[in-house]
Amino acid sequence: MLRLEIDPVQLRKKLLIEAEDDISVEELIMKIEMVLKNKGKGILISCDKEGVLPFSQSLSALHILSGERLIFLAI
């Protein structure tokens, strides 16, 4: 189980989300959009890794760890 800090840029607030480490980036984005009641599309940007996270990869494949900060950008 991962605890991630999500920073939705447009809302200027932070979310703490718990997710399984094998969840895909796309599934995590859908979870964030559900919490934020965002009907558009979004992307996740890693503050610790190499930028935009690819939708099809799992968090474990990208070596995302608990406590990492991700920026959510609604597009």
PDB file of N, CA and C in Angstrom:
ATOM      1  N   MET A   1       0.849  -1.176   0.000  1.00  0.00           N
ATOM      2  CA  MET A   1       0.000   0.000   0.000  1.00  0.00           C
ATOM      3  C   MET A   1       0.896   1.242   0.000  1.00  0.00           C
ATOM      4  N   LEU A   2       0.611   2.142  -0.925  1.00  0.00           N
ATOM      5  CA  LEU A   2       1.355   3.386  -1.035  1.00  0.00           C
ATOM      6  C   LEU A   2       0.528   4.547  -0.509  1.00  0.00           C
ATOM      7  N   ARG A   3       1.169   5.474   0.146  1.00  0.00           N
ATOM      8  CA  ARG A   3       0.541   6.744   0.537  1.00  0.00           C
ATOM      9  C   ARG A   3       1.231   7.826  -0.263  1.00  0.00           C
ATOM     10  N   LEU A   4       0.459   8.478  -1.127  1.00  0.00           N
ATOM     11  CA  LEU A   4       1.020   9.464  -2.033  1.00  0.00           C
ATOM     12  C   LEU A   4       0.434  10.833  -1.758  1.00  0.00           C
ATOM     13  N   GLU A   5       1.260  11.843  -1.910  1.00  0.00           N
ATOM     14  CA  GLU A   5       0.797  13.220  -1.801  1.00  0.00           C
ATOM     15  C   GLU A   5       0.524  13.700  -3.223  1.00  0.00           C
ATOM     16  N   ILE A   6      -0.718  14.050  -3.485  1.00  0.00           N
ATOM     17  CA  ILE A   6      -1.125  14.519  -4.798  1.00  0.00           C
ATOM     18  C   ILE A   6      -1.398  16.012  -4.695  1.00  0.00           C
ATOM     19  N   ASP A   7      -0.786  16.750  -5.585  1.00  0.00           N
ATOM     20  CA  ASP A   7      -0.942  18.206  -5.597  1.00  0.00           C
ATOM     21  C   ASP A   7      -1.671  18.618  -6.878  1.00  0.00           C
ATOM     22  N   PRO A   8      -3.013  18.789  -6.809  1.00  0.00           N
ATOM     23  CA  PRO A   8      -3.746  19.246  -7.991  1.00  0.00           C
ATOM     24  C   PRO A   8      -3.515  20.744  -8.200  1.00  0.00           C
ATOM     25  N   VAL A   9      -2.782  21.083  -9.220  1.00  0.00           N
ATOM     26  CA  VAL A   9      -2.315  22.448  -9.440  1.00  0.00           C
ATOM     27  C   VAL A   9      -3.459  23.460  -9.460  1.00  0.00           C
ATOM     28  N   GLN A  10      -4.535  23.165 -10.169  1.00  0.00           N
ATOM     29  CA  GLN A  10      -5.614  24.137 -10.321  1.00  0.00           C
ATOM     30  C   GLN A  10      -6.359  24.412  -9.020  1.00  0.00           C
ATOM     31  N   LEU A  11      -6.363  23.487  -8.096  1.00  0.00           N
ATOM     32  CA  LEU A  11      -7.164  23.648  -6.881  1.00  0.00           C
ATOM     33  C   LEU A  11      -6.390  24.206  -5.699  1.00  0.00           C
ATOM     34  N   ARG A  12      -5.097  24.231  -5.785  1.00  0.00           N
ATOM     35  CA  ARG A  12      -4.249  24.744  -4.704  1.00  0.00           C
ATOM     36  C   ARG A  12      -4.521  24.067  -3.356  1.00  0.00           C
ATOM     37  N   LYS A  13      -4.720  22.767  -3.409  1.00  0.00           N
ATOM     38  CA  LYS A  13      -4.828  21.991  -2.179  1.00  0.00           C
ATOM     39  C   LYS A  13      -4.131  20.663  -2.403  1.00  0.00           C
ATOM     40  N   LYS A  14      -3.815  19.980  -1.329  1.00  0.00           N
ATOM     41  CA  LYS A  14      -3.108  18.710  -1.434  1.00  0.00           C
ATOM     42  C   LYS A  14      -4.016  17.570  -1.013  1.00  0.00           C
ATOM     43  N   LEU A  15      -3.822  16.434  -1.644  1.00  0.00           N
ATOM     44  CA  LEU A  15      -4.556  15.224  -1.296  1.00  0.00           C
ATOM     45  C   LEU A  15      -3.564  14.166  -0.841  1.00  0.00           C
ATOM     46  N   LEU A  16      -3.965  13.381   0.125  1.00  0.00           N
ATOM     47  CA  LEU A  16      -3.211  12.185   0.487  1.00  0.00           C
ATOM     48  C   LEU A  16      -4.051  11.004   0.042  1.00  0.00           C
ATOM     49  N   ILE A  17      -3.507  10.202  -0.847  1.00  0.00           N
ATOM     50  CA  ILE A  17      -4.248   9.073  -1.403  1.00  0.00           C
ATOM     51  C   ILE A  17      -3.490   7.800  -1.113  1.00  0.00           C
ATOM     52  N   GLU A  18      -4.233   6.786  -0.704  1.00  0.00           N
ATOM     53  CA  GLU A  18      -3.665   5.458  -0.526  1.00  0.00           C
ATOM     54  C   GLU A  18      -4.044   4.628  -1.735  1.00  0.00           C
ATOM     55  N   ALA A  19      -3.070   3.902  -2.267  1.00  0.00           N
ATOM     56  CA  ALA A  19      -3.311   3.070  -3.440  1.00  0.00           C
ATOM     57  C   ALA A  19      -2.395   1.856  -3.387  1.00  0.00           C
ATOM     58  N   GLU A  20      -2.812   0.815  -4.069  1.00  0.00           N
ATOM     59  CA  GLU A  20      -1.977  -0.375  -4.183  1.00  0.00           C
ATOM     60  C   GLU A  20      -0.780  -0.044  -5.071  1.00  0.00           C
ATOM     61  N   ASP A  21       0.364  -0.666  -4.812  1.00  0.00           N
ATOM     62  CA  ASP A  21       1.545  -0.336  -5.602  1.00  0.00           C
ATOM     63  C   ASP A  21       1.479  -0.868  -7.027  1.00  0.00           C
ATOM     64  N   ASP A  22       0.563  -1.810  -7.304  1.00  0.00           N
ATOM     65  CA  ASP A  22       0.440  -2.330  -8.659  1.00  0.00           C
ATOM     66  C   ASP A  22      -0.630  -1.609  -9.485  1.00  0.00           C
ATOM     67  N   ILE A  23      -1.200  -0.524  -8.951  1.00  0.00           N
ATOM     68  CA  ILE A  23      -2.198   0.255  -9.685  1.00  0.00           C
ATOM     69  C   ILE A  23      -1.504   0.967 -10.846  1.00  0.00           C
ATOM     70  N   SER A  24      -2.206   1.048 -11.971  1.00  0.00           N
ATOM     71  CA  SER A  24      -1.620   1.749 -13.120  1.00  0.00           C
ATOM     72  C   SER A  24      -1.791   3.253 -12.926  1.00  0.00           C
ATOM     73  N   VAL A  25      -0.990   4.009 -13.640  1.00  0.00           N
ATOM     74  CA  VAL A  25      -1.074   5.465 -13.583  1.00  0.00           C
ATOM     75  C   VAL A  25      -2.466   5.912 -14.033  1.00  0.00           C
ATOM     76  N   GLU A  26      -2.998   5.273 -15.069  1.00  0.00           N
ATOM     77  CA  GLU A  26      -4.326   5.618 -15.568  1.00  0.00           C
ATOM     78  C   GLU A  26      -5.406   5.396 -14.505  1.00  0.00           C
ATOM     79  N   GLU A  27      -5.327   4.275 -13.782  1.00  0.00           N
ATOM     80  CA  GLU A  27      -6.296   3.999 -12.722  1.00  0.00           C
ATOM     81  C   GLU A  27      -6.172   5.005 -11.582  1.00  0.00           C
ATOM     82  N   LEU A  28      -4.952   5.392 -11.252  1.00  0.00           N
ATOM     83  CA  LEU A  28      -4.743   6.390 -10.205  1.00  0.00           C
ATOM     84  C   LEU A  28      -5.310   7.741 -10.627  1.00  0.00           C
ATOM     85  N   ILE A  29      -5.125   8.100 -11.886  1.00  0.00           N
ATOM     86  CA  ILE A  29      -5.693   9.351 -12.392  1.00  0.00           C
ATOM     87  C   ILE A  29      -7.216   9.316 -12.287  1.00  0.00           C
ATOM     88  N   MET A  30      -7.825   8.198 -12.633  1.00  0.00           N
ATOM     89  CA  MET A  30      -9.288   8.080 -12.528  1.00  0.00           C
ATOM     90  C   MET A  30      -9.733   8.216 -11.075  1.00  0.00           C
ATOM     91  N   LYS A  31      -8.969   7.649 -10.144  1.00  0.00           N
ATOM     92  CA  LYS A  31      -9.279   7.758  -8.720  1.00  0.00           C
ATOM     93  C   LYS A  31      -9.190   9.217  -8.256  1.00  0.00           C
ATOM     94  N   ILE A  32      -8.164   9.916  -8.695  1.00  0.00           N
ATOM     95  CA  ILE A  32      -7.995  11.331  -8.340  1.00  0.00           C
ATOM     96  C   ILE A  32      -9.134  12.157  -8.913  1.00  0.00           C
ATOM     97  N   GLU A  33      -9.475  11.904 -10.188  1.00  0.00           N
ATOM     98  CA  GLU A  33     -10.564  12.646 -10.833  1.00  0.00           C
ATOM     99  C   GLU A  33     -11.892  12.415 -10.122  1.00  0.00           C
ATOM    100  N   MET A  34     -12.104  11.196  -9.624  1.00  0.00           N
ATOM    101  CA  MET A  34     -13.333  10.892  -8.893  1.00  0.00           C
ATOM    102  C   MET A  34     -13.381  11.688  -7.586  1.00  0.00           C
ATOM    103  N   VAL A  35     -12.272  11.753  -6.875  1.00  0.00           N
ATOM    104  CA  VAL A  35     -12.209  12.504  -5.620  1.00  0.00           C
ATOM    105  C   VAL A  35     -12.424  13.997  -5.866  1.00  0.00           C
ATOM    106  N   LEU A  36     -11.814  14.506  -6.930  1.00  0.00           N
ATOM    107  CA  LEU A  36     -11.898  15.931  -7.240  1.00  0.00           C
ATOM    108  C   LEU A  36     -13.164  16.310  -8.016  1.00  0.00           C
ATOM    109  N   LYS A  37     -13.914  15.284  -8.427  1.00  0.00           N
ATOM    110  CA  LYS A  37     -15.108  15.491  -9.259  1.00  0.00           C
ATOM    111  C   LYS A  37     -14.741  16.237 -10.539  1.00  0.00           C
ATOM    112  N   ASN A  38     -13.604  15.853 -11.096  1.00  0.00           N
ATOM    113  CA  ASN A  38     -13.104  16.440 -12.336  1.00  0.00           C
ATOM    114  C   ASN A  38     -13.599  15.589 -13.497  1.00  0.00           C
ATOM    115  N   LYS A  39     -14.237  16.172 -14.461  1.00  0.00           N
ATOM    116  CA  LYS A  39     -14.789  15.417 -15.576  1.00  0.00           C
ATOM    117  C   LYS A  39     -13.866  15.380 -16.794  1.00  0.00           C
ATOM    118  N   GLY A  40     -12.776  16.118 -16.754  1.00  0.00           N
ATOM    119  CA  GLY A  40     -11.846  16.145 -17.880  1.00  0.00           C
ATOM    120  C   GLY A  40     -10.793  15.065 -17.779  1.00  0.00           C
ATOM    121  N   LYS A  41      -9.731  15.248 -18.477  1.00  0.00           N
ATOM    122  CA  LYS A  41      -8.596  14.341 -18.436  1.00  0.00           C
ATOM    123  C   LYS A  41      -7.488  14.988 -17.624  1.00  0.00           C
ATOM    124  N   GLY A  42      -6.618  14.167 -17.129  1.00  0.00           N
ATOM    125  CA  GLY A  42      -5.508  14.696 -16.355  1.00  0.00           C
ATOM    126  C   GLY A  42      -4.240  13.907 -16.594  1.00  0.00           C
ATOM    127  N   ILE A  43      -3.133  14.473 -16.165  1.00  0.00           N
ATOM    128  CA  ILE A  43      -1.845  13.790 -16.217  1.00  0.00           C
ATOM    129  C   ILE A  43      -1.185  13.904 -14.857  1.00  0.00           C
ATOM    130  N   LEU A  44      -0.307  12.966 -14.573  1.00  0.00           N
ATOM    131  CA  LEU A  44       0.465  13.003 -13.334  1.00  0.00           C
ATOM    132  C   LEU A  44       1.925  13.272 -13.667  1.00  0.00           C
ATOM    133  N   ILE A  45       2.501  14.173 -12.903  1.00  0.00           N
ATOM    134  CA  ILE A  45       3.903  14.526 -13.073  1.00  0.00           C
ATOM    135  C   ILE A  45       4.618  14.202 -11.765  1.00  0.00           C
ATOM    136  N   SER A  46       5.706  13.480 -11.869  1.00  0.00           N
ATOM    137  CA  SER A  46       6.479  13.116 -10.687  1.00  0.00           C
ATOM    138  C   SER A  46       7.472  14.210 -10.349  1.00  0.00           C
ATOM    139  N   CYS A  47       7.526  14.568  -9.085  1.00  0.00           N
ATOM    140  CA  CYS A  47       8.507  15.558  -8.630  1.00  0.00           C
ATOM    141  C   CYS A  47       9.874  14.924  -8.416  1.00  0.00           C
ATOM    142  N   ASP A  48       9.900  13.605  -8.211  1.00  0.00           N
ATOM    143  CA  ASP A  48      11.154  12.914  -7.911  1.00  0.00           C
ATOM    144  C   ASP A  48      11.726  12.145  -9.100  1.00  0.00           C
ATOM    145  N   LYS A  49      10.914  11.887 -10.108  1.00  0.00           N
ATOM    146  CA  LYS A  49      11.357  11.072 -11.250  1.00  0.00           C
ATOM    147  C   LYS A  49      11.525  11.948 -12.479  1.00  0.00           C
ATOM    148  N   GLU A  50      11.293  11.381 -13.624  1.00  0.00           N
ATOM    149  CA  GLU A  50      11.559  12.041 -14.889  1.00  0.00           C
ATOM    150  C   GLU A  50      10.325  12.666 -15.538  1.00  0.00           C
ATOM    151  N   GLY A  51       9.521  13.393 -14.825  1.00  0.00           N
ATOM    152  CA  GLY A  51       8.417  14.129 -15.443  1.00  0.00           C
ATOM    153  C   GLY A  51       7.108  13.374 -15.523  1.00  0.00           C
ATOM    154  N   VAL A  52       6.432  13.476 -16.677  1.00  0.00           N
ATOM    155  CA  VAL A  52       5.091  12.921 -16.868  1.00  0.00           C
ATOM    156  C   VAL A  52       5.143  11.399 -16.775  1.00  0.00           C
ATOM    157  N   LEU A  53       4.216  10.830 -15.996  1.00  0.00           N
ATOM    158  CA  LEU A  53       4.170   9.380 -15.830  1.00  0.00           C
ATOM    159  C   LEU A  53       3.324   8.759 -16.945  1.00  0.00           C
ATOM    160  N   PRO A  54       3.810   7.703 -17.613  1.00  0.00           N
ATOM    161  CA  PRO A  54       3.061   7.063 -18.699  1.00  0.00           C
ATOM    162  C   PRO A  54       1.832   6.318 -18.167  1.00  0.00           C
ATOM    163  N   PHE A  55       0.705   6.495 -18.853  1.00  0.00           N
ATOM    164  CA  PHE A  55      -0.578   5.932 -18.414  1.00  0.00           C
ATOM    165  C   PHE A  55      -0.542   4.422 -18.213  1.00  0.00           C
ATOM    166  N   SER A  56       0.121   3.709 -19.083  1.00  0.00           N
ATOM    167  CA  SER A  56       0.033   2.251 -19.088  1.00  0.00           C
ATOM    168  C   SER A  56       0.915   1.578 -18.036  1.00  0.00           C
ATOM    169  N   GLN A  57       1.818   2.303 -17.415  1.00  0.00           N
ATOM    170  CA  GLN A  57       2.733   1.717 -16.441  1.00  0.00           C
ATOM    171  C   GLN A  57       2.109   1.657 -15.050  1.00  0.00           C
ATOM    172  N   SER A  58       2.528   0.674 -14.269  1.00  0.00           N
ATOM    173  CA  SER A  58       2.093   0.605 -12.868  1.00  0.00           C
ATOM    174  C   SER A  58       3.045   1.453 -12.034  1.00  0.00           C
ATOM    175  N   LEU A  59       2.581   1.831 -10.855  1.00  0.00           N
ATOM    176  CA  LEU A  59       3.427   2.631  -9.968  1.00  0.00           C
ATOM    177  C   LEU A  59       4.673   1.854  -9.550  1.00  0.00           C
ATOM    178  N   SER A  60       4.521   0.536  -9.348  1.00  0.00           N
ATOM    179  CA  SER A  60       5.684  -0.264  -8.950  1.00  0.00           C
ATOM    180  C   SER A  60       6.703  -0.347 -10.083  1.00  0.00           C
ATOM    181  N   ALA A  61       6.254  -0.434 -11.332  1.00  0.00           N
ATOM    182  CA  ALA A  61       7.177  -0.483 -12.473  1.00  0.00           C
ATOM    183  C   ALA A  61       7.941   0.835 -12.616  1.00  0.00           C
ATOM    184  N   LEU A  62       7.321   1.924 -12.180  1.00  0.00           N
ATOM    185  CA  LEU A  62       7.955   3.242 -12.246  1.00  0.00           C
ATOM    186  C   LEU A  62       8.757   3.569 -10.987  1.00  0.00           C
ATOM    187  N   HIS A  63       8.786   2.622 -10.044  1.00  0.00           N
ATOM    188  CA  HIS A  63       9.515   2.769  -8.781  1.00  0.00           C
ATOM    189  C   HIS A  63       9.003   3.950  -7.955  1.00  0.00           C
ATOM    190  N   ILE A  64       7.683   4.141  -7.961  1.00  0.00           N
ATOM    191  CA  ILE A  64       7.059   5.165  -7.128  1.00  0.00           C
ATOM    192  C   ILE A  64       6.928   4.594  -5.721  1.00  0.00           C
ATOM    193  N   LEU A  65       7.366   5.331  -4.731  1.00  0.00           N
ATOM    194  CA  LEU A  65       7.371   4.876  -3.342  1.00  0.00           C
ATOM    195  C   LEU A  65       6.427   5.715  -2.495  1.00  0.00           C
ATOM    196  N   SER A  66       6.054   5.181  -1.339  1.00  0.00           N
ATOM    197  CA  SER A  66       5.227   5.932  -0.396  1.00  0.00           C
ATOM    198  C   SER A  66       5.915   7.240  -0.047  1.00  0.00           C
ATOM    199  N   GLY A  67       5.104   8.270   0.084  1.00  0.00           N
ATOM    200  CA  GLY A  67       5.625   9.562   0.465  1.00  0.00           C
ATOM    201  C   GLY A  67       6.016  10.456  -0.709  1.00  0.00           C
ATOM    202  N   GLU A  68       6.027   9.882  -1.916  1.00  0.00           N
ATOM    203  CA  GLU A  68       6.400  10.701  -3.069  1.00  0.00           C
ATOM    204  C   GLU A  68       5.287  11.691  -3.390  1.00  0.00           C
ATOM    205  N   ARG A  69       5.696  12.811  -3.944  1.00  0.00           N
ATOM    206  CA  ARG A  69       4.762  13.863  -4.307  1.00  0.00           C
ATOM    207  C   ARG A  69       4.532  13.837  -5.809  1.00  0.00           C
ATOM    208  N   LEU A  70       3.267  13.785  -6.204  1.00  0.00           N
ATOM    209  CA  LEU A  70       2.895  13.810  -7.608  1.00  0.00           C
ATOM    210  C   LEU A  70       2.036  15.033  -7.872  1.00  0.00           C
ATOM    211  N   ILE A  71       2.255  15.662  -8.987  1.00  0.00           N
ATOM    212  CA  ILE A  71       1.455  16.817  -9.374  1.00  0.00           C
ATOM    213  C   ILE A  71       0.398  16.343 -10.356  1.00  0.00           C
ATOM    214  N   PHE A  72      -0.858  16.693 -10.086  1.00  0.00           N
ATOM    215  CA  PHE A  72      -1.969  16.357 -10.994  1.00  0.00           C
ATOM    216  C   PHE A  72      -2.320  17.615 -11.771  1.00  0.00           C
ATOM    217  N   LEU A  73      -2.299  17.491 -13.087  1.00  0.00           N
ATOM    218  CA  LEU A  73      -2.609  18.609 -13.952  1.00  0.00           C
ATOM    219  C   LEU A  73      -3.811  18.241 -14.817  1.00  0.00           C
ATOM    220  N   ALA A  74      -4.934  18.909 -14.610  1.00  0.00           N
ATOM    221  CA  ALA A  74      -6.127  18.677 -15.423  1.00  0.00           C
ATOM    222  C   ALA A  74      -5.919  19.347 -16.769  1.00  0.00           C
ATOM    223  N   ILE A  75      -6.201  18.589 -17.834  1.00  0.00           N
ATOM    224  CA  ILE A  75      -6.032  19.151 -19.183  1.00  0.00           C
ATOM    225  C   ILE A  75      -7.337  19.136 -19.937  1.00  0.00           C
TER     226      ILE A  75
END
